[in-house]
Amino acid sequence: MSIKDKPRCLKYLQHISYYRMTGYMYPFQTDSSHTFKKDVSFELILDHYLFDKKLRLLIMDYIERIEVSLRATLCNIMSLAHGPHWYLNADLFNDKRLHSEFTANVQSYCADASETFIRSYNSKYSDPKSPPSWMVMETLTFGRLASLYENLKDNDEKKMVAQQYKVVVPLFQSWLKSINFIRNASAHHSRLWNRRIPLKPTIPTRKNNRFLTFIDAETDKRLYGVLSCMLFLINNISPKSKFKERLLTLFSEYPTVNIQHMGFHAQWREEEIWTH
């Protein structure tokens, strides 16, 4: 590997660490001896690192929009059908043990919460002890929100939540799991480029639900599949969103970054969801 500017290289390694950078080096090495391919430079590796950093920040911005939307949609639909404290009703959930753990965690958190709206509720009301769902939803992480939705019985309201995003329940649940994995990886500054996704999103193949025409073995295992699902959701939440445009701008900013390592196939720009 060539190094054009050694002082700059040393500075980056001081603050990033060589081990962290190795995750971006593997695709540019030939074998287990870690021999670099021809014409590989530290600057090329650094470009991939900086690209990945900006990608994580961009993705987190739009995951927030999905999370906030899901909180509101779930709360509105379930509250209208089952009252403001619907999340306390064990009959609405499949796994009673998980539900019991969830309500216990909510009560424990709310008993000593620092948020003003929770403390205000506690000072005014004692029955029920836990706040209404529109308060509780604001305290949940994306992962706990996704788990709460998944544990709901397959009733009309659960279907209505998914339909709000023009998907069916099984697809929606798998997407939420995948997005939560990406969210956690991004929040902990982990690599997204060239990373396999262990919680794979279900990519729809039926004509009525399909939004990708070309699906290969890597689509649901790499970031491309999750980003496509996120784009589908964002288009329904905010049709005028610039998510796609900002991703394309980032790709243009780093032309040396090989996005095929993220699952983007040769014809991805021909997909309607990525062109319109």
C-alpha atoms as a PDB file:
ATOM      1  CA  MET A   1       0.000   0.000   0.000  1.00  0.00           C
ATOM      2  CA  SER A   2       1.442   3.338  -1.016  1.00  0.00           C
ATOM      3  CA  ILE A   3       1.342   6.351   1.321  1.00  0.00           C
ATOM      4  CA  LYS A   4       1.643   9.738  -0.340  1.00  0.00           C
ATOM      5  CA  ASP A   5       1.544  11.860   2.798  1.00  0.00           C
ATOM      6  CA  LYS A   6       3.085   9.982   5.734  1.00  0.00           C
ATOM      7  CA  PRO A   7       2.566  12.695   8.417  1.00  0.00           C
ATOM      8  CA  ARG A   8      -1.130  12.858   7.476  1.00  0.00           C
ATOM      9  CA  CYS A   9      -1.360   9.072   7.553  1.00  0.00           C
ATOM     10  CA  LEU A  10       0.216   8.909  11.015  1.00  0.00           C
ATOM     11  CA  LYS A  11      -2.152  11.578  12.320  1.00  0.00           C
ATOM     12  CA  TYR A  12      -5.207   9.646  11.144  1.00  0.00           C
ATOM     13  CA  LEU A  13      -3.906   6.384  12.577  1.00  0.00           C
ATOM     14  CA  GLN A  14      -3.232   8.102  15.905  1.00  0.00           C
ATOM     15  CA  HIS A  15      -6.865   9.117  16.243  1.00  0.00           C
ATOM     16  CA  ILE A  16      -8.623   6.304  14.361  1.00  0.00           C
ATOM     17  CA  SER A  17      -6.317   3.321  14.989  1.00  0.00           C
ATOM     18  CA  TYR A  18      -4.917   0.920  12.448  1.00  0.00           C
ATOM     19  CA  TYR A  19      -7.211  -1.903  13.559  1.00  0.00           C
ATOM     20  CA  ARG A  20     -10.335   0.169  12.862  1.00  0.00           C
ATOM     21  CA  MET A  21      -9.008   0.989   9.394  1.00  0.00           C
ATOM     22  CA  THR A  22      -8.395  -2.668   8.554  1.00  0.00           C
ATOM     23  CA  GLY A  23     -12.126  -3.215   8.021  1.00  0.00           C
ATOM     24  CA  TYR A  24     -11.843  -0.954   4.980  1.00  0.00           C
ATOM     25  CA  MET A  25      -8.655  -2.648   3.755  1.00  0.00           C
ATOM     26  CA  TYR A  26      -9.799  -6.272   3.349  1.00  0.00           C
ATOM     27  CA  PRO A  27     -11.450  -5.843  -0.095  1.00  0.00           C
ATOM     28  CA  PHE A  28      -8.190  -4.395  -1.386  1.00  0.00           C
ATOM     29  CA  GLN A  29      -6.079  -7.333  -0.248  1.00  0.00           C
ATOM     30  CA  THR A  30      -5.397 -10.467  -2.245  1.00  0.00           C
ATOM     31  CA  ASP A  31      -5.216 -13.251   0.325  1.00  0.00           C
ATOM     32  CA  SER A  32      -4.896 -14.218   3.988  1.00  0.00           C
ATOM     33  CA  SER A  33      -1.380 -12.773   4.081  1.00  0.00           C
ATOM     34  CA  HIS A  34      -2.993  -9.324   3.738  1.00  0.00           C
ATOM     35  CA  THR A  35      -1.012  -8.451   0.625  1.00  0.00           C
ATOM     36  CA  PHE A  36      -2.453  -5.366  -1.038  1.00  0.00           C
ATOM     37  CA  LYS A  37      -3.548  -5.364  -4.648  1.00  0.00           C
ATOM     38  CA  LYS A  38      -1.767  -3.162  -7.161  1.00  0.00           C
ATOM     39  CA  ASP A  39      -2.199   0.623  -6.970  1.00  0.00           C
ATOM     40  CA  VAL A  40      -3.854   0.654  -3.542  1.00  0.00           C
ATOM     41  CA  SER A  41      -3.055   3.756  -1.498  1.00  0.00           C
ATOM     42  CA  PHE A  42      -3.759   4.847   2.046  1.00  0.00           C
ATOM     43  CA  GLU A  43      -5.666   7.764   0.568  1.00  0.00           C
ATOM     44  CA  LEU A  44      -8.021   5.317  -1.171  1.00  0.00           C
ATOM     45  CA  ILE A  45      -8.658   3.509   2.121  1.00  0.00           C
ATOM     46  CA  LEU A  46      -9.197   6.831   3.878  1.00  0.00           C
ATOM     47  CA  ASP A  47     -11.752   7.865   1.251  1.00  0.00           C
ATOM     48  CA  HIS A  48     -13.760   4.740   2.061  1.00  0.00           C
ATOM     49  CA  TYR A  49     -13.520   5.486   5.776  1.00  0.00           C
ATOM     50  CA  LEU A  50     -14.672   9.104   5.375  1.00  0.00           C
ATOM     51  CA  PHE A  51     -17.428   8.046   2.980  1.00  0.00           C
ATOM     52  CA  ASP A  52     -18.695   5.523   5.519  1.00  0.00           C
ATOM     53  CA  LYS A  53     -18.692   8.151   8.269  1.00  0.00           C
ATOM     54  CA  LYS A  54     -20.828  10.535   6.202  1.00  0.00           C
ATOM     55  CA  LEU A  55     -23.090   7.672   5.147  1.00  0.00           C
ATOM     56  CA  ARG A  56     -23.817   6.785   8.780  1.00  0.00           C
ATOM     57  CA  LEU A  57     -24.695  10.380   9.645  1.00  0.00           C
ATOM     58  CA  LEU A  58     -26.991  10.640   6.631  1.00  0.00           C
ATOM     59  CA  ILE A  59     -28.741   7.356   7.407  1.00  0.00           C
ATOM     60  CA  MET A  60     -29.271   8.313  11.064  1.00  0.00           C
ATOM     61  CA  ASP A  61     -31.036  11.482   9.961  1.00  0.00           C
ATOM     62  CA  TYR A  62     -33.628   9.505   8.001  1.00  0.00           C
ATOM     63  CA  ILE A  63     -33.972   6.659  10.481  1.00  0.00           C
ATOM     64  CA  GLU A  64     -35.046   9.334  12.947  1.00  0.00           C
ATOM     65  CA  ARG A  65     -37.871  10.305  10.571  1.00  0.00           C
ATOM     66  CA  ILE A  66     -39.001   6.692  10.290  1.00  0.00           C
ATOM     67  CA  GLU A  67     -38.845   6.253  14.063  1.00  0.00           C
ATOM     68  CA  VAL A  68     -40.824   9.411  14.837  1.00  0.00           C
ATOM     69  CA  SER A  69     -43.432   8.471  12.228  1.00  0.00           C
ATOM     70  CA  LEU A  70     -43.778   4.956  13.631  1.00  0.00           C
ATOM     71  CA  ARG A  71     -44.258   6.287  17.163  1.00  0.00           C
ATOM     72  CA  ALA A  72     -47.082   8.548  16.020  1.00  0.00           C
ATOM     73  CA  THR A  73     -48.753   6.004  13.727  1.00  0.00           C
ATOM     74  CA  LEU A  74     -48.684   3.170  16.249  1.00  0.00           C
ATOM     75  CA  CYS A  75     -49.894   5.406  19.068  1.00  0.00           C
ATOM     76  CA  ASN A  76     -52.704   7.021  17.052  1.00  0.00           C
ATOM     77  CA  ILE A  77     -54.136   3.814  15.608  1.00  0.00           C
ATOM     78  CA  MET A  78     -53.902   1.740  18.783  1.00  0.00           C
ATOM     79  CA  SER A  79     -55.164   4.531  21.082  1.00  0.00           C
ATOM     80  CA  LEU A  80     -58.245   5.203  18.951  1.00  0.00           C
ATOM     81  CA  ALA A  81     -59.100   1.492  18.983  1.00  0.00           C
ATOM     82  CA  HIS A  82     -58.107   0.492  22.527  1.00  0.00           C
ATOM     83  CA  GLY A  83     -57.695   3.637  24.607  1.00  0.00           C
ATOM     84  CA  PRO A  84     -54.674   5.690  25.724  1.00  0.00           C
ATOM     85  CA  HIS A  85     -53.202   2.892  27.862  1.00  0.00           C
ATOM     86  CA  TRP A  86     -53.536   0.131  25.276  1.00  0.00           C
ATOM     87  CA  TYR A  87     -49.922  -0.974  25.771  1.00  0.00           C
ATOM     88  CA  LEU A  88     -50.859  -2.221  29.278  1.00  0.00           C
ATOM     89  CA  ASN A  89     -53.479  -4.617  27.897  1.00  0.00           C
ATOM     90  CA  ALA A  90     -51.850  -8.061  27.807  1.00  0.00           C
ATOM     91  CA  ASP A  91     -54.701  -9.423  25.653  1.00  0.00           C
ATOM     92  CA  LEU A  92     -53.406  -7.386  22.709  1.00  0.00           C
ATOM     93  CA  PHE A  93     -50.045  -9.172  22.683  1.00  0.00           C
ATOM     94  CA  ASN A  94     -48.800 -12.610  21.664  1.00  0.00           C
ATOM     95  CA  ASP A  95     -45.996 -13.218  24.138  1.00  0.00           C
ATOM     96  CA  LYS A  96     -47.261 -12.426  27.644  1.00  0.00           C
ATOM     97  CA  ARG A  97     -43.790 -12.772  29.172  1.00  0.00           C
ATOM     98  CA  LEU A  98     -42.323 -10.175  26.811  1.00  0.00           C
ATOM     99  CA  HIS A  99     -45.281  -7.922  27.452  1.00  0.00           C
ATOM    100  CA  SER A 100     -44.848  -8.235  31.201  1.00  0.00           C
ATOM    101  CA  GLU A 101     -41.158  -7.368  30.900  1.00  0.00           C
ATOM    102  CA  PHE A 102     -42.016  -4.403  28.695  1.00  0.00           C
ATOM    103  CA  THR A 103     -44.571  -2.925  31.111  1.00  0.00           C
ATOM    104  CA  ALA A 104     -42.236  -3.505  34.068  1.00  0.00           C
ATOM    105  CA  ASN A 105     -39.458  -1.634  32.258  1.00  0.00           C
ATOM    106  CA  VAL A 106     -41.832   1.215  31.393  1.00  0.00           C
ATOM    107  CA  GLN A 107     -43.001   1.531  34.994  1.00  0.00           C
ATOM    108  CA  SER A 108     -39.446   1.409  36.309  1.00  0.00           C
ATOM    109  CA  TYR A 109     -38.288   4.043  33.851  1.00  0.00           C
ATOM    110  CA  CYS A 110     -41.245   6.352  34.420  1.00  0.00           C
ATOM    111  CA  ALA A 111     -40.922   6.117  38.201  1.00  0.00           C
ATOM    112  CA  ASP A 112     -37.609   7.967  38.045  1.00  0.00           C
ATOM    113  CA  ALA A 113     -37.735   9.687  34.666  1.00  0.00           C
ATOM    114  CA  SER A 114     -36.020  13.013  34.090  1.00  0.00           C
ATOM    115  CA  GLU A 115     -38.352  14.112  31.267  1.00  0.00           C
ATOM    116  CA  THR A 116     -40.602  16.958  32.342  1.00  0.00           C
ATOM    117  CA  PHE A 117     -43.735  15.473  30.763  1.00  0.00           C
ATOM    118  CA  ILE A 118     -43.319  12.181  32.665  1.00  0.00           C
ATOM    119  CA  ARG A 119     -42.655  13.934  35.959  1.00  0.00           C
ATOM    120  CA  SER A 120     -45.669  16.150  35.377  1.00  0.00           C
ATOM    121  CA  TYR A 121     -47.888  13.111  34.836  1.00  0.00           C
ATOM    122  CA  ASN A 122     -46.534  11.418  37.965  1.00  0.00           C
ATOM    123  CA  SER A 123     -47.268  14.492  40.060  1.00  0.00           C
ATOM    124  CA  LYS A 124     -50.887  14.712  38.897  1.00  0.00           C
ATOM    125  CA  TYR A 125     -52.035  11.119  38.408  1.00  0.00           C
ATOM    126  CA  SER A 126     -51.704   7.836  40.258  1.00  0.00           C
ATOM    127  CA  ASP A 127     -54.257   5.713  38.379  1.00  0.00           C
ATOM    128  CA  PRO A 128     -53.169   4.308  36.083  1.00  0.00           C
ATOM    129  CA  LYS A 129     -49.644   4.504  37.388  1.00  0.00           C
ATOM    130  CA  SER A 130     -48.088   4.501  33.916  1.00  0.00           C
ATOM    131  CA  PRO A 131     -48.523   7.459  31.543  1.00  0.00           C
ATOM    132  CA  PRO A 132     -50.633   7.301  28.358  1.00  0.00           C
ATOM    133  CA  SER A 133     -49.103   5.765  25.258  1.00  0.00           C
ATOM    134  CA  TRP A 134     -48.290   9.061  23.550  1.00  0.00           C
ATOM    135  CA  MET A 135     -45.914   9.811  26.424  1.00  0.00           C
ATOM    136  CA  VAL A 136     -44.505   6.303  26.688  1.00  0.00           C
ATOM    137  CA  MET A 137     -43.794   6.083  22.942  1.00  0.00           C
ATOM    138  CA  GLU A 138     -41.486   9.084  23.270  1.00  0.00           C
ATOM    139  CA  THR A 139     -39.308   7.180  25.747  1.00  0.00           C
ATOM    140  CA  LEU A 140     -38.807   4.040  23.649  1.00  0.00           C
ATOM    141  CA  THR A 141     -35.738   3.234  21.594  1.00  0.00           C
ATOM    142  CA  PHE A 142     -36.246   2.196  17.988  1.00  0.00           C
ATOM    143  CA  GLY A 143     -35.517  -1.411  18.938  1.00  0.00           C
ATOM    144  CA  ARG A 144     -38.085  -1.498  21.743  1.00  0.00           C
ATOM    145  CA  LEU A 145     -40.631   0.190  19.486  1.00  0.00           C
ATOM    146  CA  ALA A 146     -40.077  -2.449  16.789  1.00  0.00           C
ATOM    147  CA  SER A 147     -40.338  -5.249  19.363  1.00  0.00           C
ATOM    148  CA  LEU A 148     -43.563  -3.805  20.772  1.00  0.00           C
ATOM    149  CA  TYR A 149     -45.090  -3.746  17.299  1.00  0.00           C
ATOM    150  CA  GLU A 150     -43.937  -7.274  16.485  1.00  0.00           C
ATOM    151  CA  ASN A 151     -45.425  -8.644  19.705  1.00  0.00           C
ATOM    152  CA  LEU A 152     -48.876  -7.265  18.878  1.00  0.00           C
ATOM    153  CA  LYS A 153     -51.441  -9.849  17.866  1.00  0.00           C
ATOM    154  CA  ASP A 154     -52.309  -9.856  14.172  1.00  0.00           C
ATOM    155  CA  ASN A 155     -55.402  -7.702  14.526  1.00  0.00           C
ATOM    156  CA  ASP A 156     -56.830  -5.026  12.247  1.00  0.00           C
ATOM    157  CA  GLU A 157     -54.901  -2.258  13.975  1.00  0.00           C
ATOM    158  CA  LYS A 158     -51.556  -3.969  13.448  1.00  0.00           C
ATOM    159  CA  LYS A 159     -52.380  -4.302   9.757  1.00  0.00           C
ATOM    160  CA  MET A 160     -53.467  -0.671   9.603  1.00  0.00           C
ATOM    161  CA  VAL A 161     -50.075   0.469  10.921  1.00  0.00           C
ATOM    162  CA  ALA A 162     -48.268  -1.413   8.135  1.00  0.00           C
ATOM    163  CA  GLN A 163     -50.788  -0.239   5.543  1.00  0.00           C
ATOM    164  CA  GLN A 164     -49.979   3.337   6.508  1.00  0.00           C
ATOM    165  CA  TYR A 165     -46.608   2.685   4.831  1.00  0.00           C
ATOM    166  CA  LYS A 166     -48.122   0.643   1.960  1.00  0.00           C
ATOM    167  CA  VAL A 167     -46.624  -2.650   3.116  1.00  0.00           C
ATOM    168  CA  VAL A 168     -47.889  -5.828   4.758  1.00  0.00           C
ATOM    169  CA  VAL A 169     -47.091  -6.813   8.336  1.00  0.00           C
ATOM    170  CA  PRO A 170     -44.428  -9.518   7.703  1.00  0.00           C
ATOM    171  CA  LEU A 171     -42.460  -7.208   5.400  1.00  0.00           C
ATOM    172  CA  PHE A 172     -42.754  -4.272   7.759  1.00  0.00           C
ATOM    173  CA  GLN A 173     -41.567  -6.267  10.767  1.00  0.00           C
ATOM    174  CA  SER A 174     -38.486  -7.528   8.941  1.00  0.00           C
ATOM    175  CA  TRP A 175     -37.668  -4.016   7.733  1.00  0.00           C
ATOM    176  CA  LEU A 176     -37.885  -2.588  11.238  1.00  0.00           C
ATOM    177  CA  LYS A 177     -35.439  -5.214  12.515  1.00  0.00           C
ATOM    178  CA  SER A 178     -32.966  -4.489   9.719  1.00  0.00           C
ATOM    179  CA  ILE A 179     -33.257  -0.732  10.128  1.00  0.00           C
ATOM    180  CA  ASN A 180     -32.732  -1.093  13.870  1.00  0.00           C
ATOM    181  CA  PHE A 181     -29.530  -3.050  13.224  1.00  0.00           C
ATOM    182  CA  ILE A 182     -28.306  -0.287  10.896  1.00  0.00           C
ATOM    183  CA  ARG A 183     -29.330   2.336  13.431  1.00  0.00           C
ATOM    184  CA  ASN A 184     -27.379   0.663  16.238  1.00  0.00           C
ATOM    185  CA  ALA A 185     -24.330   0.130  14.031  1.00  0.00           C
ATOM    186  CA  SER A 186     -24.397   3.793  13.018  1.00  0.00           C
ATOM    187  CA  ALA A 187     -24.912   5.004  16.588  1.00  0.00           C
ATOM    188  CA  HIS A 188     -21.846   3.028  17.685  1.00  0.00           C
ATOM    189  CA  HIS A 189     -19.774   4.263  14.733  1.00  0.00           C
ATOM    190  CA  SER A 190     -19.483   0.793  13.195  1.00  0.00           C
ATOM    191  CA  ARG A 191     -18.688   0.191   9.539  1.00  0.00           C
ATOM    192  CA  LEU A 192     -21.605  -0.009   7.081  1.00  0.00           C
ATOM    193  CA  TRP A 193     -19.655  -0.172   3.838  1.00  0.00           C
ATOM    194  CA  ASN A 194     -18.746  -3.746   2.888  1.00  0.00           C
ATOM    195  CA  ARG A 195     -20.792  -5.135   5.770  1.00  0.00           C
ATOM    196  CA  ARG A 196     -23.193  -8.064   5.756  1.00  0.00           C
ATOM    197  CA  ILE A 197     -26.568  -7.472   7.374  1.00  0.00           C
ATOM    198  CA  PRO A 198     -27.370 -10.306   9.827  1.00  0.00           C
ATOM    199  CA  LEU A 199     -31.007  -9.216  10.218  1.00  0.00           C
ATOM    200  CA  LYS A 200     -32.015  -9.345   6.572  1.00  0.00           C
ATOM    201  CA  PRO A 201     -35.023  -7.362   5.318  1.00  0.00           C
ATOM    202  CA  THR A 202     -37.609  -9.332   3.361  1.00  0.00           C
ATOM    203  CA  ILE A 203     -37.523  -7.918  -0.171  1.00  0.00           C
ATOM    204  CA  PRO A 204     -40.990  -8.235  -1.762  1.00  0.00           C
ATOM    205  CA  THR A 205     -41.146 -10.337  -4.924  1.00  0.00           C
ATOM    206  CA  ARG A 206     -44.903 -10.367  -5.555  1.00  0.00           C
ATOM    207  CA  LYS A 207     -46.001  -8.053  -8.342  1.00  0.00           C
ATOM    208  CA  ASN A 208     -48.319  -5.967  -6.142  1.00  0.00           C
ATOM    209  CA  ASN A 209     -45.625  -5.261  -3.540  1.00  0.00           C
ATOM    210  CA  ARG A 210     -42.462  -5.333  -5.621  1.00  0.00           C
ATOM    211  CA  PHE A 211     -40.369  -2.173  -5.972  1.00  0.00           C
ATOM    212  CA  LEU A 212     -37.065  -3.742  -7.099  1.00  0.00           C
ATOM    213  CA  THR A 213     -37.024  -5.583 -10.419  1.00  0.00           C
ATOM    214  CA  PHE A 214     -33.555  -7.073 -10.024  1.00  0.00           C
ATOM    215  CA  ILE A 215     -32.966  -9.044  -6.839  1.00  0.00           C
ATOM    216  CA  ASP A 216     -29.877 -11.199  -6.392  1.00  0.00           C
ATOM    217  CA  ALA A 217     -28.337 -13.189  -3.549  1.00  0.00           C
ATOM    218  CA  GLU A 218     -26.690 -10.061  -2.105  1.00  0.00           C
ATOM    219  CA  THR A 219     -29.721  -7.736  -2.118  1.00  0.00           C
ATOM    220  CA  ASP A 220     -30.981  -8.636   1.344  1.00  0.00           C
ATOM    221  CA  LYS A 221     -27.508  -9.290   2.781  1.00  0.00           C
ATOM    222  CA  ARG A 222     -26.001  -5.882   2.107  1.00  0.00           C
ATOM    223  CA  LEU A 223     -26.854  -2.255   2.742  1.00  0.00           C
ATOM    224  CA  TYR A 224     -28.465  -1.784  -0.689  1.00  0.00           C
ATOM    225  CA  GLY A 225     -31.502  -3.838   0.308  1.00  0.00           C
ATOM    226  CA  VAL A 226     -32.030  -1.968   3.589  1.00  0.00           C
ATOM    227  CA  LEU A 227     -31.542   1.422   1.930  1.00  0.00           C
ATOM    228  CA  SER A 228     -34.105   0.495  -0.728  1.00  0.00           C
ATOM    229  CA  CYS A 229     -36.617  -0.418   1.986  1.00  0.00           C
ATOM    230  CA  MET A 230     -35.836   2.787   3.862  1.00  0.00           C
ATOM    231  CA  LEU A 231     -36.328   4.799   0.672  1.00  0.00           C
ATOM    232  CA  PHE A 232     -39.712   3.131   0.139  1.00  0.00           C
ATOM    233  CA  LEU A 233     -40.795   4.100   3.672  1.00  0.00           C
ATOM    234  CA  ILE A 234     -39.416   7.635   3.422  1.00  0.00           C
ATOM    235  CA  ASN A 235     -41.230   8.173   0.113  1.00  0.00           C
ATOM    236  CA  ASN A 236     -44.492   7.382   1.909  1.00  0.00           C
ATOM    237  CA  ILE A 237     -43.695   9.432   5.010  1.00  0.00           C
ATOM    238  CA  SER A 238     -42.328  12.456   3.179  1.00  0.00           C
ATOM    239  CA  PRO A 239     -42.710  12.346  -0.632  1.00  0.00           C
ATOM    240  CA  LYS A 240     -40.598  15.484  -1.037  1.00  0.00           C
ATOM    241  CA  SER A 241     -37.725  14.071   1.006  1.00  0.00           C
ATOM    242  CA  LYS A 242     -34.180  14.480  -0.327  1.00  0.00           C
ATOM    243  CA  PHE A 243     -32.967  11.121   0.987  1.00  0.00           C
ATOM    244  CA  LYS A 244     -32.263   9.647  -2.421  1.00  0.00           C
ATOM    245  CA  GLU A 245     -30.703  12.863  -3.729  1.00  0.00           C
ATOM    246  CA  ARG A 246     -28.422  13.155  -0.704  1.00  0.00           C
ATOM    247  CA  LEU A 247     -27.277   9.551  -1.112  1.00  0.00           C
ATOM    248  CA  LEU A 248     -26.536  10.108  -4.798  1.00  0.00           C
ATOM    249  CA  THR A 249     -24.613  13.285  -3.960  1.00  0.00           C
ATOM    250  CA  LEU A 250     -22.528  11.374  -1.425  1.00  0.00           C
ATOM    251  CA  PHE A 251     -21.781   8.673  -4.003  1.00  0.00           C
ATOM    252  CA  SER A 252     -20.657  11.387  -6.451  1.00  0.00           C
ATOM    253  CA  GLU A 253     -18.484  13.014  -3.805  1.00  0.00           C
ATOM    254  CA  TYR A 254     -16.520   9.761  -3.416  1.00  0.00           C
ATOM    255  CA  PRO A 255     -16.243   8.270  -6.919  1.00  0.00           C
ATOM    256  CA  THR A 256     -13.429   5.920  -5.849  1.00  0.00           C
ATOM    257  CA  VAL A 257     -15.697   4.145  -3.345  1.00  0.00           C
ATOM    258  CA  ASN A 258     -16.909   0.821  -4.691  1.00  0.00           C
ATOM    259  CA  ILE A 259     -20.602   0.701  -3.784  1.00  0.00           C
ATOM    260  CA  GLN A 260     -20.894  -2.834  -5.183  1.00  0.00           C
ATOM    261  CA  HIS A 261     -19.454  -3.898  -1.834  1.00  0.00           C
ATOM    262  CA  MET A 262     -22.698  -2.551  -0.344  1.00  0.00           C
ATOM    263  CA  GLY A 263     -24.790  -4.714  -2.675  1.00  0.00           C
ATOM    264  CA  PHE A 264     -25.457  -2.088  -5.349  1.00  0.00           C
ATOM    265  CA  HIS A 265     -25.576  -4.073  -8.604  1.00  0.00           C
ATOM    266  CA  ALA A 266     -24.647  -2.764 -12.062  1.00  0.00           C
ATOM    267  CA  GLN A 267     -28.229  -1.828 -13.023  1.00  0.00           C
ATOM    268  CA  TRP A 268     -29.347  -0.298  -9.719  1.00  0.00           C
ATOM    269  CA  ARG A 269     -29.794   3.163 -11.255  1.00  0.00           C
ATOM    270  CA  GLU A 270     -32.382   1.671 -13.610  1.00  0.00           C
ATOM    271  CA  GLU A 271     -34.660   0.720 -10.726  1.00  0.00           C
ATOM    272  CA  GLU A 272     -37.721   2.989 -10.651  1.00  0.00           C
ATOM    273  CA  ILE A 273     -37.419   3.664  -6.913  1.00  0.00           C
ATOM    274  CA  TRP A 274     -33.894   5.000  -7.470  1.00  0.00           C
ATOM    275  CA  THR A 275     -34.708   7.060 -10.571  1.00  0.00           C
ATOM    276  CA  HIS A 276     -38.044   8.772  -9.796  1.00  0.00           C
END
